[in-house]
C-alpha atoms as a PDB file:
ATOM      1  CA  MET A   1     -13.713  -0.056  -5.838  1.00  0.00           C
ATOM      2  CA  GLN A   2     -10.869  -2.008  -4.243  1.00  0.00           C
ATOM      3  CA  THR A   3      -7.682  -3.039  -6.006  1.00  0.00           C
ATOM      4  CA  ARG A   4      -5.084  -5.745  -5.521  1.00  0.00           C
ATOM      5  CA  THR A   5      -1.760  -5.876  -7.265  1.00  0.00           C
ATOM      6  CA  GLU A   6      -0.043  -8.981  -8.578  1.00  0.00           C
ATOM      7  CA  THR A   7       3.058  -9.882 -10.590  1.00  0.00           C
ATOM      8  CA  LEU A   8       3.223 -11.053 -14.218  1.00  0.00           C
ATOM      9  CA  ARG A   9       5.056 -14.152 -15.414  1.00  0.00           C
ATOM     10  CA  ARG A  10       7.365 -13.255 -18.274  1.00  0.00           C
ATOM     11  CA  ASN A  11       7.731 -16.580 -20.058  1.00  0.00           C
ATOM     12  CA  THR A  12       4.019 -16.919 -20.858  1.00  0.00           C
ATOM     13  CA  ALA A  13       4.157 -13.968 -23.275  1.00  0.00           C
ATOM     14  CA  ASP A  14       3.339 -15.227 -26.781  1.00  0.00           C
ATOM     15  CA  PRO A  15       4.449 -12.643 -29.383  1.00  0.00           C
ATOM     16  CA  ALA A  16       2.630 -14.399 -32.250  1.00  0.00           C
ATOM     17  CA  ALA A  17      -0.723 -14.498 -30.435  1.00  0.00           C
ATOM     18  CA  ARG A  18      -0.004 -11.244 -28.512  1.00  0.00           C
ATOM     19  CA  THR A  19      -1.108 -12.915 -25.271  1.00  0.00           C
ATOM     20  CA  VAL A  20       0.238 -13.359 -21.757  1.00  0.00           C
ATOM     21  CA  GLU A  21      -1.080 -15.410 -18.853  1.00  0.00           C
ATOM     22  CA  VAL A  22      -1.277 -13.772 -15.426  1.00  0.00           C
ATOM     23  CA  VAL A  23      -2.197 -14.680 -11.881  1.00  0.00           C
ATOM     24  CA  TRP A  24      -4.341 -11.780 -10.699  1.00  0.00           C
ATOM     25  CA  THR A  25      -5.025 -12.945  -7.134  1.00  0.00           C
ATOM     26  CA  THR A  26      -3.996 -15.534  -4.601  1.00  0.00           C
ATOM     27  CA  GLY A  27      -6.123 -13.986  -1.872  1.00  0.00           C
ATOM     28  CA  ALA A  28      -3.079 -12.995   0.180  1.00  0.00           C
ATOM     29  CA  PRO A  29      -3.952 -10.708   3.105  1.00  0.00           C
ATOM     30  CA  VAL A  30      -3.595  -6.993   2.347  1.00  0.00           C
ATOM     31  CA  ARG A  31      -3.512  -4.138   4.857  1.00  0.00           C
ATOM     32  CA  ARG A  32      -6.303  -1.647   4.185  1.00  0.00           C
ATOM     33  CA  TYR A  33      -7.592   1.431   5.987  1.00  0.00           C
ATOM     34  CA  HIS A  34     -11.007   2.936   6.623  1.00  0.00           C
ATOM     35  CA  ILE A  35     -12.097   6.228   8.087  1.00  0.00           C
ATOM     36  CA  ASP A  36     -13.925   6.162  11.424  1.00  0.00           C
ATOM     37  CA  GLY A  37     -14.872   9.708  12.344  1.00  0.00           C
ATOM     38  CA  TYR A  38     -11.535  11.517  12.349  1.00  0.00           C
ATOM     39  CA  ASP A  39      -9.472   8.374  12.723  1.00  0.00           C
ATOM     40  CA  VAL A  40      -7.822   6.334   9.992  1.00  0.00           C
ATOM     41  CA  VAL A  41      -8.168   2.734  11.145  1.00  0.00           C
ATOM     42  CA  PRO A  42      -6.175  -0.178   9.698  1.00  0.00           C
ATOM     43  CA  TYR A  43      -7.674  -3.577   8.995  1.00  0.00           C
ATOM     44  CA  GLU A  44      -6.596  -6.695   7.132  1.00  0.00           C
ATOM     45  CA  GLU A  45      -8.547  -7.702   4.052  1.00  0.00           C
ATOM     46  CA  ARG A  46      -8.658 -11.362   3.021  1.00  0.00           C
ATOM     47  CA  LEU A  47     -10.254 -12.399  -0.259  1.00  0.00           C
ATOM     48  CA  ILE A  48     -11.726 -15.874  -0.576  1.00  0.00           C
ATOM     49  CA  VAL A  49     -10.498 -17.305  -3.888  1.00  0.00           C
ATOM     50  CA  SER A  50     -12.896 -19.969  -5.163  1.00  0.00           C
ATOM     51  CA  ASP A  51     -15.419 -20.470  -7.941  1.00  0.00           C
ATOM     52  CA  LYS A  52     -18.194 -19.909  -5.401  1.00  0.00           C
ATOM     53  CA  ALA A  53     -16.726 -16.675  -4.001  1.00  0.00           C
ATOM     54  CA  ILE A  54     -15.718 -14.915  -7.231  1.00  0.00           C
ATOM     55  CA  ASP A  55     -18.160 -13.862  -9.939  1.00  0.00           C
ATOM     56  CA  LEU A  56     -16.002 -14.051 -13.090  1.00  0.00           C
ATOM     57  CA  SER A  57     -18.747 -12.891 -15.471  1.00  0.00           C
ATOM     58  CA  ARG A  58     -17.294  -9.418 -16.031  1.00  0.00           C
ATOM     59  CA  LEU A  59     -13.781 -10.695 -16.657  1.00  0.00           C
ATOM     60  CA  ASN A  60     -15.032 -13.393 -19.029  1.00  0.00           C
ATOM     61  CA  ALA A  61     -17.164 -10.876 -20.914  1.00  0.00           C
ATOM     62  CA  GLY A  62     -13.971  -9.193 -22.155  1.00  0.00           C
ATOM     63  CA  ALA A  63     -13.005  -6.962 -19.248  1.00  0.00           C
ATOM     64  CA  PRO A  64     -10.408  -4.277 -19.952  1.00  0.00           C
ATOM     65  CA  VAL A  65      -6.752  -4.480 -19.020  1.00  0.00           C
ATOM     66  CA  LEU A  66      -5.959  -0.922 -17.974  1.00  0.00           C
ATOM     67  CA  ASP A  67      -2.842   1.169 -17.487  1.00  0.00           C
ATOM     68  CA  GLY A  68      -2.609   1.599 -13.703  1.00  0.00           C
ATOM     69  CA  HIS A  69      -6.388   1.506 -13.023  1.00  0.00           C
ATOM     70  CA  ARG A  70      -6.877   4.613 -15.162  1.00  0.00           C
ATOM     71  CA  ALA A  71     -10.277   4.437 -16.835  1.00  0.00           C
ATOM     72  CA  GLY A  72     -10.650   7.916 -18.270  1.00  0.00           C
ATOM     73  CA  GLY A  73     -11.176   6.700 -21.811  1.00  0.00           C
ATOM     74  CA  VAL A  74     -10.390   3.951 -24.284  1.00  0.00           C
ATOM     75  CA  SER A  75      -6.799   5.177 -24.574  1.00  0.00           C
ATOM     76  CA  ASP A  76      -6.228   3.820 -21.037  1.00  0.00           C
ATOM     77  CA  GLN A  77      -7.065   0.280 -22.172  1.00  0.00           C
ATOM     78  CA  LEU A  78      -3.988  -1.743 -23.132  1.00  0.00           C
ATOM     79  CA  ALA A  79      -5.473  -5.195 -23.669  1.00  0.00           C
ATOM     80  CA  VAL A  80      -8.524  -7.371 -23.031  1.00  0.00           C
ATOM     81  CA  VAL A  81      -9.186 -10.354 -20.774  1.00  0.00           C
ATOM     82  CA  GLU A  82      -9.764 -13.277 -23.120  1.00  0.00           C
ATOM     83  CA  ARG A  83     -10.497 -15.785 -20.369  1.00  0.00           C
ATOM     84  CA  ALA A  84     -10.385 -15.897 -16.571  1.00  0.00           C
ATOM     85  CA  TRP A  85     -10.592 -18.895 -14.246  1.00  0.00           C
ATOM     86  CA  ILE A  86      -9.773 -20.166 -10.756  1.00  0.00           C
ATOM     87  CA  ALA A  87      -7.147 -22.900 -10.325  1.00  0.00           C
ATOM     88  CA  GLY A  88      -5.224 -24.051  -7.276  1.00  0.00           C
ATOM     89  CA  GLY A  89      -6.489 -21.206  -5.091  1.00  0.00           C
ATOM     90  CA  SER A  90      -5.469 -18.486  -7.571  1.00  0.00           C
ATOM     91  CA  GLY A  91      -7.260 -16.298 -10.078  1.00  0.00           C
ATOM     92  CA  ILE A  92      -5.683 -16.711 -13.520  1.00  0.00           C
ATOM     93  CA  ALA A  93      -6.362 -14.916 -16.796  1.00  0.00           C
ATOM     94  CA  LEU A  94      -5.221 -14.893 -20.390  1.00  0.00           C
ATOM     95  CA  LEU A  95      -4.722 -11.326 -21.640  1.00  0.00           C
ATOM     96  CA  ARG A  96      -4.676 -10.402 -25.324  1.00  0.00           C
ATOM     97  CA  PHE A  97      -2.998  -7.275 -26.662  1.00  0.00           C
ATOM     98  CA  PRO A  98      -3.967  -5.657 -29.989  1.00  0.00           C
ATOM     99  CA  ASP A  99      -2.137  -6.584 -33.182  1.00  0.00           C
ATOM    100  CA  ALA A 100       1.299  -4.973 -33.464  1.00  0.00           C
ATOM    101  CA  GLY A 101       1.041  -1.480 -34.920  1.00  0.00           C
ATOM    102  CA  THR A 102      -2.519  -0.839 -33.689  1.00  0.00           C
ATOM    103  CA  SER A 103      -1.544   0.994 -30.501  1.00  0.00           C
ATOM    104  CA  ALA A 104       1.945   2.350 -29.857  1.00  0.00           C
ATOM    105  CA  ARG A 105       1.369   2.295 -26.069  1.00  0.00           C
ATOM    106  CA  ALA A 106       0.091  -1.309 -26.101  1.00  0.00           C
ATOM    107  CA  ASP A 107       3.092  -2.320 -28.263  1.00  0.00           C
ATOM    108  CA  GLU A 108       5.456  -0.658 -25.795  1.00  0.00           C
ATOM    109  CA  VAL A 109       3.871  -2.331 -22.758  1.00  0.00           C
ATOM    110  CA  PHE A 110       3.768  -5.774 -24.434  1.00  0.00           C
ATOM    111  CA  ALA A 111       7.475  -5.431 -25.289  1.00  0.00           C
ATOM    112  CA  LEU A 112       8.216  -4.514 -21.666  1.00  0.00           C
ATOM    113  CA  ILE A 113       6.309  -7.625 -20.532  1.00  0.00           C
ATOM    114  CA  GLU A 114       8.286  -9.786 -22.972  1.00  0.00           C
ATOM    115  CA  GLN A 115      11.522  -8.340 -21.565  1.00  0.00           C
ATOM    116  CA  GLY A 116      10.434  -8.960 -17.974  1.00  0.00           C
ATOM    117  CA  ILE A 117      10.351  -5.264 -17.101  1.00  0.00           C
ATOM    118  CA  VAL A 118       6.582  -4.942 -16.549  1.00  0.00           C
ATOM    119  CA  ARG A 119       5.539  -7.804 -14.268  1.00  0.00           C
ATOM    120  CA  ASN A 120       2.835  -6.547 -11.936  1.00  0.00           C
ATOM    121  CA  VAL A 121      -0.919  -6.916 -12.268  1.00  0.00           C
ATOM    122  CA  SER A 122      -3.684  -5.501 -10.104  1.00  0.00           C
ATOM    123  CA  VAL A 123      -7.372  -6.345  -9.963  1.00  0.00           C
ATOM    124  CA  GLY A 124     -10.112  -3.766  -9.459  1.00  0.00           C
ATOM    125  CA  TYR A 125     -13.121  -5.311  -7.745  1.00  0.00           C
ATOM    126  CA  SER A 126     -16.272  -4.729  -5.737  1.00  0.00           C
ATOM    127  CA  GLN A 127     -17.253  -6.571  -2.586  1.00  0.00           C
ATOM    128  CA  ASP A 128     -20.708  -8.159  -2.450  1.00  0.00           C
ATOM    129  CA  ASP A 129     -20.494 -10.029   0.862  1.00  0.00           C
ATOM    130  CA  TRP A 130     -18.038 -10.189   3.741  1.00  0.00           C
ATOM    131  CA  LYS A 131     -17.669 -10.931   7.423  1.00  0.00           C
ATOM    132  CA  ASP A 132     -15.818  -8.671   9.838  1.00  0.00           C
ATOM    133  CA  GLU A 133     -13.888  -9.745  12.917  1.00  0.00           C
ATOM    134  CA  SER A 134     -12.873  -7.158  15.514  1.00  0.00           C
ATOM    135  CA  ALA A 135      -9.304  -6.689  16.642  1.00  0.00           C
ATOM    136  CA  THR A 136      -8.491  -8.904  19.623  1.00  0.00           C
ATOM    137  CA  GLY A 137      -5.813  -6.749  21.229  1.00  0.00           C
ATOM    138  CA  ALA A 138      -3.863  -3.501  21.081  1.00  0.00           C
ATOM    139  CA  ASP A 139      -1.339  -4.950  18.600  1.00  0.00           C
ATOM    140  CA  ASP A 140      -3.994  -6.598  16.433  1.00  0.00           C
ATOM    141  CA  VAL A 141      -6.187  -5.218  13.647  1.00  0.00           C
ATOM    142  CA  ALA A 142      -9.701  -6.081  12.557  1.00  0.00           C
ATOM    143  CA  VAL A 143     -10.078  -8.586   9.710  1.00  0.00           C
ATOM    144  CA  ARG A 144     -12.516  -8.374   6.817  1.00  0.00           C
ATOM    145  CA  THR A 145     -12.944 -11.675   4.983  1.00  0.00           C
ATOM    146  CA  VAL A 146     -14.562 -11.033   1.602  1.00  0.00           C
ATOM    147  CA  THR A 147     -16.687 -14.067   0.812  1.00  0.00           C
ATOM    148  CA  ARG A 148     -18.286 -12.842  -2.431  1.00  0.00           C
ATOM    149  CA  TRP A 149     -16.690 -10.396  -4.854  1.00  0.00           C
ATOM    150  CA  VAL A 150     -16.667  -9.296  -8.493  1.00  0.00           C
ATOM    151  CA  PRO A 151     -13.509  -8.394 -10.448  1.00  0.00           C
ATOM    152  CA  HIS A 152     -14.237  -5.505 -12.849  1.00  0.00           C
ATOM    153  CA  GLU A 153     -10.865  -4.988 -14.522  1.00  0.00           C
ATOM    154  CA  LEU A 154      -7.227  -5.980 -14.484  1.00  0.00           C
ATOM    155  CA  SER A 155      -4.461  -3.395 -14.600  1.00  0.00           C
ATOM    156  CA  LEU A 156      -0.752  -3.340 -15.303  1.00  0.00           C
ATOM    157  CA  VAL A 157       0.878  -1.483 -12.407  1.00  0.00           C
ATOM    158  CA  THR A 158       4.229  -0.764 -10.804  1.00  0.00           C
ATOM    159  CA  ILE A 159       3.687  -1.859  -7.169  1.00  0.00           C
ATOM    160  CA  PRO A 160       2.362  -5.346  -6.336  1.00  0.00           C
ATOM    161  CA  ALA A 161       0.266  -6.294  -3.273  1.00  0.00           C
ATOM    162  CA  ASP A 162      -0.090 -10.087  -3.594  1.00  0.00           C
ATOM    163  CA  ALA A 163       3.279 -11.834  -3.771  1.00  0.00           C
ATOM    164  CA  GLY A 164       1.842 -14.940  -5.406  1.00  0.00           C
ATOM    165  CA  ALA A 165       0.062 -13.261  -8.287  1.00  0.00           C
ATOM    166  CA  GLN A 166       2.341 -13.019 -11.295  1.00  0.00           C
ATOM    167  CA  VAL A 167       3.071 -13.914 -14.872  1.00  0.00           C
ATOM    168  CA  ARG A 168       3.151 -17.595 -14.116  1.00  0.00           C
ATOM    169  CA  SER A 169       6.883 -18.230 -13.533  1.00  0.00           C
ATOM    170  CA  GLY A 170       8.196 -14.799 -12.571  1.00  0.00           C
ATOM    171  CA  VAL A 171       9.718 -13.859  -9.256  1.00  0.00           C
ATOM    172  CA  ALA A 172       7.079 -12.612  -6.840  1.00  0.00           C
ATOM    173  CA  VAL A 173       7.456  -9.263  -5.175  1.00  0.00           C
ATOM    174  CA  ARG A 174       5.425  -8.281  -2.089  1.00  0.00           C
ATOM    175  CA  GLY A 175       4.019  -4.831  -1.622  1.00  0.00           C
ATOM    176  CA  MET A 176       0.841  -2.980  -0.755  1.00  0.00           C
ATOM    177  CA  VAL A 177      -1.171  -0.422  -2.691  1.00  0.00           C
ATOM    178  CA  ALA A 178      -3.915   1.665  -1.115  1.00  0.00           C
ATOM    179  CA  ARG A 179      -5.972   3.091  -3.969  1.00  0.00           C
ATOM    180  CA  ARG A 180      -8.872   4.912  -2.472  1.00  0.00           C
ATOM    181  CA  GLY A 181      -8.907   8.656  -3.143  1.00  0.00           C
ATOM    182  CA  ALA A 182     -10.875   9.495  -0.020  1.00  0.00           C
ATOM    183  CA  LEU A 183      -8.472   7.521   2.125  1.00  0.00           C
ATOM    184  CA  ARG A 184      -5.408   9.207   0.629  1.00  0.00           C
ATOM    185  CA  GLN A 185      -6.966  12.612   1.198  1.00  0.00           C
ATOM    186  CA  ALA A 186      -7.899  11.751   4.797  1.00  0.00           C
ATOM    187  CA  LEU A 187      -4.398  10.449   5.502  1.00  0.00           C
ATOM    188  CA  ALA A 188      -2.820  13.579   4.021  1.00  0.00           C
ATOM    189  CA  GLN A 189      -5.108  15.840   6.062  1.00  0.00           C
ATOM    190  CA  ARG A 190      -4.414  13.877   9.240  1.00  0.00           C
ATOM    191  CA  LEU A 191      -0.659  14.053   8.718  1.00  0.00           C
ATOM    192  CA  ALA A 192      -0.839  17.770   7.952  1.00  0.00           C
ATOM    193  CA  HIS A 193      -2.395  18.539  11.372  1.00  0.00           C
END
């Protein structure tokens, strides 16, 4: 599963309803890596963000909002996706947290969102269809354009990848998160030799 990280917008937090609106993707290019034999090869991933490209059925069926993509059990779930949609080239969602007092961790995270401390969101997704373009020169990398994909979950995280995805009026922060265990292990092994 791939992930993309975004940034929350603080002023959409509604303490009475226990909700917050987030942008979970703008489709901004993200540097990824794949393993080719013994080589770790970079490429740029571009997500198409449109109603035709994104299957929102899982998000709109009440997908979980996780703590840092951890899915070891229900204790890792902080909130639920109430509704997800595409608008203006971005993926947007309304997240709902449990009633105050139900979950101490969810209460803590919601308070941090209200205070503008927790701002970053990431989407975990699978790719159903894509087209690959080879690198055109020594200083270039291959490009994978994902033309059909399915978000499975949203997560609250510390490091954002897509500068435009945020709680709707917050300051965007650019970053990159590589979240594939096999890739991390391969990179560590390569660097160790």
